[in-house]
């Protein structure tokens, strides 16, 4: 495994999101059935050409990482074939303490060491800071990340759910480049793309997405990763609104024309954007993971007009 793997992951085509692995959210240990399900999901991802796996220390209170670590242990040679990404910075509610964010240096190091233990590996390819901590000192964060990098515990760093000024402030203090920014992006969650066209309209103030974030990431070689990329099934069987029903029909029609699956069309819509978006696929169903294979191995085959058809259909109203 070379030191380039983290950079490749930042520029990877599709990632598998491991949040659904490891049993329930109550902190209970995972069982044999959970391990078998994790193994099946990992194998489906690998069969689909996906070799980057996205974690976070809080997923299933750590059991997502732990069950994945056991899959690695029972599959010799797998660690060398994949990229491991995890996140830290969110603390779940605990007793009388509320859910909170914590990017203090000591907390970052502790969470990384715990993730390394659960994942049964000696290095994390990419570490993302999960959410901004308003009380965090950027100099302290940078110093902690620099130490982890120099000690060989983390190869590359990125962020999640951060805007351009936050990224720039951290990067100004870091010697190593930030390689990724993970945001919720899908044909359903479209504020990231609409922010660029709603300027000078009444809808602009209601959008809320920090304009300039996509542009900043593109200019500085920071790969955008899209969590929630399949839109929780809203266009592949869980339609709720008239616009979603119409869009699901359009997605299915395009999939038939192009000899692929509706899931791939949804991912292609993200990947067709020139920002170079890498979708994170989070389903635990092997058949649905495999339905994303063409997104991992084929270039997006949506025309300019088809991309806009999908966008306008999902909006339910014309563009301004």
Protein backbone atom coordinates (compact mmCIF):
# COMPACT_ATOMS: atom_id res chain seq x y z
CA UNK A 1 0.00 0.00 0.00
CA UNK A 2 1.57 3.27 -1.08
CA UNK A 3 1.30 6.73 0.35
CA UNK A 4 -0.67 7.72 -2.75
CA UNK A 5 -3.75 5.78 -1.66
CA UNK A 6 -5.25 8.58 0.37
CA UNK A 7 -4.86 11.01 -2.49
CA UNK A 8 -6.41 8.47 -4.84
CA UNK A 9 -9.28 8.12 -2.40
CA UNK A 10 -9.78 11.86 -2.38
CA UNK A 11 -10.14 11.57 -6.14
CA UNK A 12 -11.91 8.21 -6.07
CA UNK A 13 -15.01 7.57 -8.17
CA UNK A 14 -17.36 5.92 -5.65
CA UNK A 15 -17.02 5.09 -1.95
CA UNK A 16 -18.92 2.59 0.16
CA UNK A 17 -20.34 4.16 3.32
CA UNK A 18 -20.19 1.76 6.28
CA UNK A 19 -22.63 3.54 8.62
CA UNK A 20 -25.19 0.73 8.28
CA UNK A 21 -22.82 -2.05 9.34
CA UNK A 22 -22.43 -3.43 12.85
CA UNK A 23 -25.90 -3.95 14.29
CA UNK A 24 -28.03 -1.40 16.14
CA UNK A 25 -27.45 2.12 17.43
CA UNK A 26 -27.79 1.21 21.10
CA UNK A 27 -24.12 0.44 21.62
CA UNK A 28 -24.77 -3.29 21.96
CA UNK A 29 -22.14 -5.74 20.59
CA UNK A 30 -22.62 -7.00 17.06
CA UNK A 31 -23.39 -10.66 16.49
CA UNK A 32 -22.57 -13.34 13.90
CA UNK A 33 -25.43 -12.22 11.65
CA UNK A 34 -24.10 -8.64 11.69
CA UNK A 35 -20.64 -9.91 10.75
CA UNK A 36 -22.06 -11.96 7.87
CA UNK A 37 -24.04 -8.93 6.66
CA UNK A 38 -20.92 -6.75 6.79
CA UNK A 39 -18.93 -9.35 4.88
CA UNK A 40 -21.64 -9.54 2.21
CA UNK A 41 -21.76 -5.75 1.84
CA UNK A 42 -17.98 -5.46 1.55
CA UNK A 43 -17.85 -8.24 -1.04
CA UNK A 44 -20.66 -6.59 -3.03
CA UNK A 45 -18.75 -3.30 -3.00
CA UNK A 46 -15.53 -4.97 -4.15
CA UNK A 47 -17.41 -6.87 -6.86
CA UNK A 48 -18.73 -3.50 -8.03
CA UNK A 49 -15.28 -1.95 -8.36
CA UNK A 50 -15.53 0.04 -5.12
CA UNK A 51 -12.34 -0.10 -3.06
CA UNK A 52 -12.72 2.97 -0.80
CA UNK A 53 -14.61 2.50 2.48
CA UNK A 54 -15.95 5.40 4.53
CA UNK A 55 -16.36 5.17 8.31
CA UNK A 56 -16.82 7.41 11.34
CA UNK A 57 -16.00 6.71 14.96
CA UNK A 58 -19.62 7.31 15.99
CA UNK A 59 -21.30 4.95 13.51
CA UNK A 60 -23.25 2.42 15.61
CA UNK A 61 -21.22 3.67 18.60
CA UNK A 62 -18.06 2.24 17.06
CA UNK A 63 -19.38 -1.17 16.06
CA UNK A 64 -19.36 -0.26 12.36
CA UNK A 65 -15.59 0.10 12.55
CA UNK A 66 -15.25 -2.96 14.78
CA UNK A 67 -17.21 -5.31 12.51
CA UNK A 68 -15.29 -3.99 9.51
CA UNK A 69 -12.05 -4.67 11.35
CA UNK A 70 -13.14 -8.27 11.83
CA UNK A 71 -13.94 -8.55 8.12
CA UNK A 72 -10.39 -7.36 7.42
CA UNK A 73 -8.97 -9.89 9.89
CA UNK A 74 -10.80 -12.81 8.30
CA UNK A 75 -9.88 -11.75 4.71
CA UNK A 76 -6.10 -11.93 4.24
CA UNK A 77 -4.71 -9.32 1.84
CA UNK A 78 -7.86 -7.18 1.84
CA UNK A 79 -6.33 -4.26 3.72
CA UNK A 80 -3.70 -3.81 1.01
CA UNK A 81 -6.41 -3.62 -1.67
CA UNK A 82 -8.57 -0.91 -0.15
CA UNK A 83 -8.58 2.66 1.11
CA UNK A 84 -9.83 3.25 4.66
CA UNK A 85 -11.37 6.58 5.53
CA UNK A 86 -12.85 7.49 8.89
CA UNK A 87 -14.02 10.60 10.72
CA UNK A 88 -13.84 12.09 14.18
CA UNK A 89 -15.19 15.18 15.90
CA UNK A 90 -18.78 14.29 16.86
CA UNK A 91 -19.54 13.06 20.37
CA UNK A 92 -22.89 11.37 20.86
CA UNK A 93 -25.10 12.18 23.85
CA UNK A 94 -23.89 10.30 26.92
CA UNK A 95 -25.76 10.25 30.23
CA UNK A 96 -26.38 13.87 31.18
CA UNK A 97 -24.03 15.18 28.46
CA UNK A 98 -25.63 16.36 25.21
CA UNK A 99 -24.48 15.51 21.72
CA UNK A 100 -21.61 17.84 20.92
CA UNK A 101 -18.56 18.44 18.74
CA UNK A 102 -14.99 18.06 19.99
CA UNK A 103 -11.93 18.86 17.89
CA UNK A 104 -9.54 19.44 20.76
CA UNK A 105 -6.12 17.91 20.13
CA UNK A 106 -6.42 15.27 22.82
CA UNK A 107 -9.83 14.20 21.60
CA UNK A 108 -8.67 13.91 17.98
CA UNK A 109 -5.75 11.69 19.00
CA UNK A 110 -7.89 9.53 21.28
CA UNK A 111 -10.53 9.00 18.59
CA UNK A 112 -7.90 8.12 15.98
CA UNK A 113 -6.23 5.59 18.29
CA UNK A 114 -9.61 4.02 19.08
CA UNK A 115 -10.49 3.81 15.37
CA UNK A 116 -7.15 2.18 14.58
CA UNK A 117 -7.83 -0.45 17.24
CA UNK A 118 -11.36 -1.17 16.06
CA UNK A 119 -10.35 -1.28 12.39
CA UNK A 120 -7.40 -3.54 13.21
CA UNK A 121 -4.99 -1.50 11.13
CA UNK A 122 -1.89 0.53 11.85
CA UNK A 123 -2.73 3.46 9.58
CA UNK A 124 -5.78 5.40 8.43
CA UNK A 125 -5.57 6.44 4.79
CA UNK A 126 -7.83 9.47 5.15
CA UNK A 127 -9.13 11.15 8.32
CA UNK A 128 -12.01 13.62 7.98
CA UNK A 129 -13.03 16.13 10.63
CA UNK A 130 -16.72 15.24 10.87
CA UNK A 131 -18.23 18.63 11.69
CA UNK A 132 -16.90 22.05 12.70
CA UNK A 133 -16.37 22.60 16.43
CA UNK A 134 -17.11 26.28 17.24
CA UNK A 135 -14.84 26.11 20.29
CA UNK A 136 -11.90 24.56 18.44
CA UNK A 137 -8.62 26.41 17.91
CA UNK A 138 -7.48 25.94 14.27
CA UNK A 139 -3.84 26.06 15.34
CA UNK A 140 -4.46 23.27 17.86
CA UNK A 141 -6.28 21.18 15.26
CA UNK A 142 -3.48 21.66 12.74
CA UNK A 143 -0.84 20.71 15.29
CA UNK A 144 -2.73 17.52 16.19
CA UNK A 145 -3.13 16.51 12.54
CA UNK A 146 0.51 17.26 11.81
CA UNK A 147 1.61 15.01 14.69
CA UNK A 148 -0.61 12.16 13.48
CA UNK A 149 0.81 12.50 9.97
CA UNK A 150 4.44 12.63 11.10
CA UNK A 151 3.93 9.56 13.27
CA UNK A 152 2.54 7.62 10.32
CA UNK A 153 -0.88 7.06 11.88
CA UNK A 154 -2.81 9.02 9.22
CA UNK A 155 -1.78 9.50 5.60
CA UNK A 156 -4.16 12.22 4.44
CA UNK A 157 -6.74 14.59 5.88
CA UNK A 158 -10.02 16.15 4.86
CA UNK A 159 -13.17 17.66 6.30
CA UNK A 160 -16.89 17.02 6.28
CA UNK A 161 -19.80 19.46 6.35
CA UNK A 162 -17.50 22.50 6.17
CA UNK A 163 -17.70 25.72 4.17
CA UNK A 164 -14.93 27.39 2.20
CA UNK A 165 -13.75 29.85 4.90
CA UNK A 166 -13.49 27.07 7.49
CA UNK A 167 -11.49 24.92 5.08
CA UNK A 168 -9.21 27.82 4.15
CA UNK A 169 -8.53 28.71 7.79
CA UNK A 170 -7.46 25.15 8.56
CA UNK A 171 -5.44 24.70 5.38
CA UNK A 172 -3.49 27.89 6.09
CA UNK A 173 -2.12 26.20 9.19
CA UNK A 174 -1.46 22.77 7.67
CA UNK A 175 1.58 21.68 5.68
CA UNK A 176 -0.24 18.72 4.13
CA UNK A 177 -3.12 19.38 1.70
CA UNK A 178 -6.72 18.66 2.60
CA UNK A 179 -7.94 16.11 0.05
CA UNK A 180 -11.70 15.87 0.60
CA UNK A 181 -14.84 17.62 1.80
CA UNK A 182 -17.86 15.37 2.40
CA UNK A 183 -21.28 17.02 2.11
CA UNK A 184 -24.85 15.82 1.72
CA UNK A 185 -25.46 15.99 -2.03
CA UNK A 186 -28.02 14.23 -4.20
CA UNK A 187 -30.77 14.80 -6.72
CA UNK A 188 -33.01 15.35 -3.68
CA UNK A 189 -30.58 17.49 -1.66
CA UNK A 190 -29.79 20.04 -4.38
CA UNK A 191 -28.95 23.21 -2.42
CA UNK A 192 -25.26 22.83 -3.31
CA UNK A 193 -25.98 23.23 -7.03
CA UNK A 194 -28.88 25.65 -6.68
CA UNK A 195 -26.78 28.09 -4.63
CA UNK A 196 -24.97 28.98 -7.83
CA UNK A 197 -28.10 29.86 -9.83
CA UNK A 198 -30.39 31.42 -7.21
CA UNK A 199 -28.30 34.57 -6.82
CA UNK A 200 -30.41 37.67 -7.35
CA UNK A 201 -33.64 35.75 -6.74
CA UNK A 202 -36.06 35.72 -3.83
CA UNK A 203 -35.24 32.05 -3.16
CA UNK A 204 -31.56 32.75 -2.49
CA UNK A 205 -31.98 33.54 1.22
CA UNK A 206 -33.92 30.32 1.80
CA UNK A 207 -31.25 28.15 0.18
CA UNK A 208 -28.72 28.27 2.98
CA UNK A 209 -25.82 26.49 1.25
CA UNK A 210 -22.58 28.48 1.66
CA UNK A 211 -22.00 29.82 -1.85
CA UNK A 212 -18.40 29.49 -2.97
CA UNK A 213 -17.70 26.19 -1.21
CA UNK A 214 -17.82 24.11 -4.41
CA UNK A 215 -15.70 26.66 -6.21
CA UNK A 216 -13.13 26.72 -3.39
CA UNK A 217 -12.82 22.94 -3.41
CA UNK A 218 -12.43 22.83 -7.18
CA UNK A 219 -9.76 25.53 -7.16
CA UNK A 220 -7.74 23.80 -4.44
CA UNK A 221 -7.99 20.19 -5.59
CA UNK A 222 -10.27 19.12 -2.73
CA UNK A 223 -12.45 16.23 -3.87
CA UNK A 224 -16.11 16.60 -2.98
CA UNK A 225 -17.69 13.47 -1.55
CA UNK A 226 -21.48 13.15 -1.51
CA UNK A 227 -23.12 11.42 1.43
CA UNK A 228 -26.80 10.54 1.01
CA UNK A 229 -26.07 10.19 -2.72
CA UNK A 230 -28.97 7.80 -3.43
CA UNK A 231 -31.44 10.20 -1.79
CA UNK A 232 -32.75 7.57 0.64
CA UNK A 233 -34.53 5.80 -2.22
CA UNK A 234 -36.76 8.76 -3.11
CA UNK A 235 -36.31 8.10 -6.84
CA UNK A 236 -35.99 4.32 -6.71
CA UNK A 237 -39.09 3.10 -4.91
CA UNK A 238 -39.81 5.42 -1.99
CA UNK A 239 -41.39 8.34 -3.81
CA UNK A 240 -43.50 10.69 -1.72
CA UNK A 241 -44.35 13.70 -3.87
CA UNK A 242 -45.61 14.20 -7.38
CA UNK A 243 -42.21 15.54 -8.42
CA UNK A 244 -40.48 12.48 -6.98
CA UNK A 245 -42.82 10.13 -8.85
CA UNK A 246 -42.20 11.98 -12.11
CA UNK A 247 -38.45 12.01 -11.52
CA UNK A 248 -38.37 8.31 -10.64
CA UNK A 249 -40.05 7.56 -13.98
CA UNK A 250 -37.49 9.71 -15.79
CA UNK A 251 -34.61 8.03 -13.95
CA UNK A 252 -35.96 4.59 -14.87
CA UNK A 253 -36.40 5.62 -18.51
CA UNK A 254 -32.83 6.93 -18.77
CA UNK A 255 -31.52 3.79 -17.10
CA UNK A 256 -33.28 1.65 -19.69
CA UNK A 257 -31.96 3.74 -22.58
CA UNK A 258 -28.38 3.48 -21.31
CA UNK A 259 -28.43 -0.15 -20.26
CA UNK A 260 -27.83 0.51 -16.60
CA UNK A 261 -29.71 0.86 -13.30
CA UNK A 262 -31.67 3.76 -11.78
CA UNK A 263 -29.11 3.87 -8.94
CA UNK A 264 -26.32 4.44 -11.43
CA UNK A 265 -28.26 7.25 -13.13
CA UNK A 266 -28.63 9.01 -9.77
CA UNK A 267 -24.92 8.71 -9.10
CA UNK A 268 -24.07 9.78 -12.64
CA UNK A 269 -26.10 12.96 -12.09
CA UNK A 270 -23.72 13.89 -9.28
CA UNK A 271 -20.61 12.72 -11.09
CA UNK A 272 -21.50 14.62 -14.28
CA UNK A 273 -20.95 17.91 -12.42
CA UNK A 274 -17.51 19.36 -13.23
CA UNK A 275 -16.62 19.60 -9.53
CA UNK A 276 -15.75 15.90 -9.73
CA UNK A 277 -18.10 14.59 -7.05
CA UNK A 278 -17.47 11.14 -5.57
CA UNK A 279 -20.73 9.58 -4.29
CA UNK A 280 -20.82 7.64 -1.03
CA UNK A 281 -23.15 4.63 -1.32
CA UNK A 282 -24.56 3.71 2.08
CA UNK A 283 -27.08 0.94 1.46
CA UNK A 284 -26.43 -2.38 3.20
CA UNK A 285 -28.31 -4.43 0.60
CA UNK A 286 -25.81 -6.29 -1.63
CA UNK A 287 -28.11 -6.16 -4.65
CA UNK A 288 -28.44 -2.39 -4.37
CA UNK A 289 -24.69 -1.98 -3.89
CA UNK A 290 -24.15 -3.96 -7.09
CA UNK A 291 -26.71 -1.76 -8.81
CA UNK A 292 -24.14 1.05 -8.45
CA UNK A 293 -21.40 -0.83 -10.30
CA UNK A 294 -21.66 1.14 -13.54
CA UNK A 295 -21.05 4.36 -11.65
CA UNK A 296 -17.77 2.93 -10.39
CA UNK A 297 -16.55 1.56 -13.72
CA UNK A 298 -18.15 3.74 -16.44
CA UNK A 299 -17.91 7.43 -17.14
CA UNK A 300 -21.20 9.32 -16.61
CA UNK A 301 -23.27 8.98 -19.76
CA UNK A 302 -25.75 11.79 -19.22
CA UNK A 303 -25.92 14.51 -21.84
CA UNK A 304 -26.12 18.18 -20.95
CA UNK A 305 -29.85 18.13 -21.65
CA UNK A 306 -30.51 14.92 -19.71
CA UNK A 307 -28.71 16.31 -16.67
CA UNK A 308 -30.94 19.39 -16.74
CA UNK A 309 -34.06 17.28 -17.32
CA UNK A 310 -33.36 15.41 -14.09
CA UNK A 311 -32.64 18.60 -12.16
CA UNK A 312 -35.77 20.43 -13.29
CA UNK A 313 -37.93 17.34 -12.77
CA UNK A 314 -36.68 16.92 -9.19
CA UNK A 315 -37.23 20.62 -8.49
CA UNK A 316 -40.86 20.36 -9.58
CA UNK A 317 -40.70 23.94 -10.87
CA UNK A 318 -38.74 25.59 -13.68
CA UNK A 319 -35.34 27.12 -13.10
CA UNK A 320 -35.31 30.89 -12.44
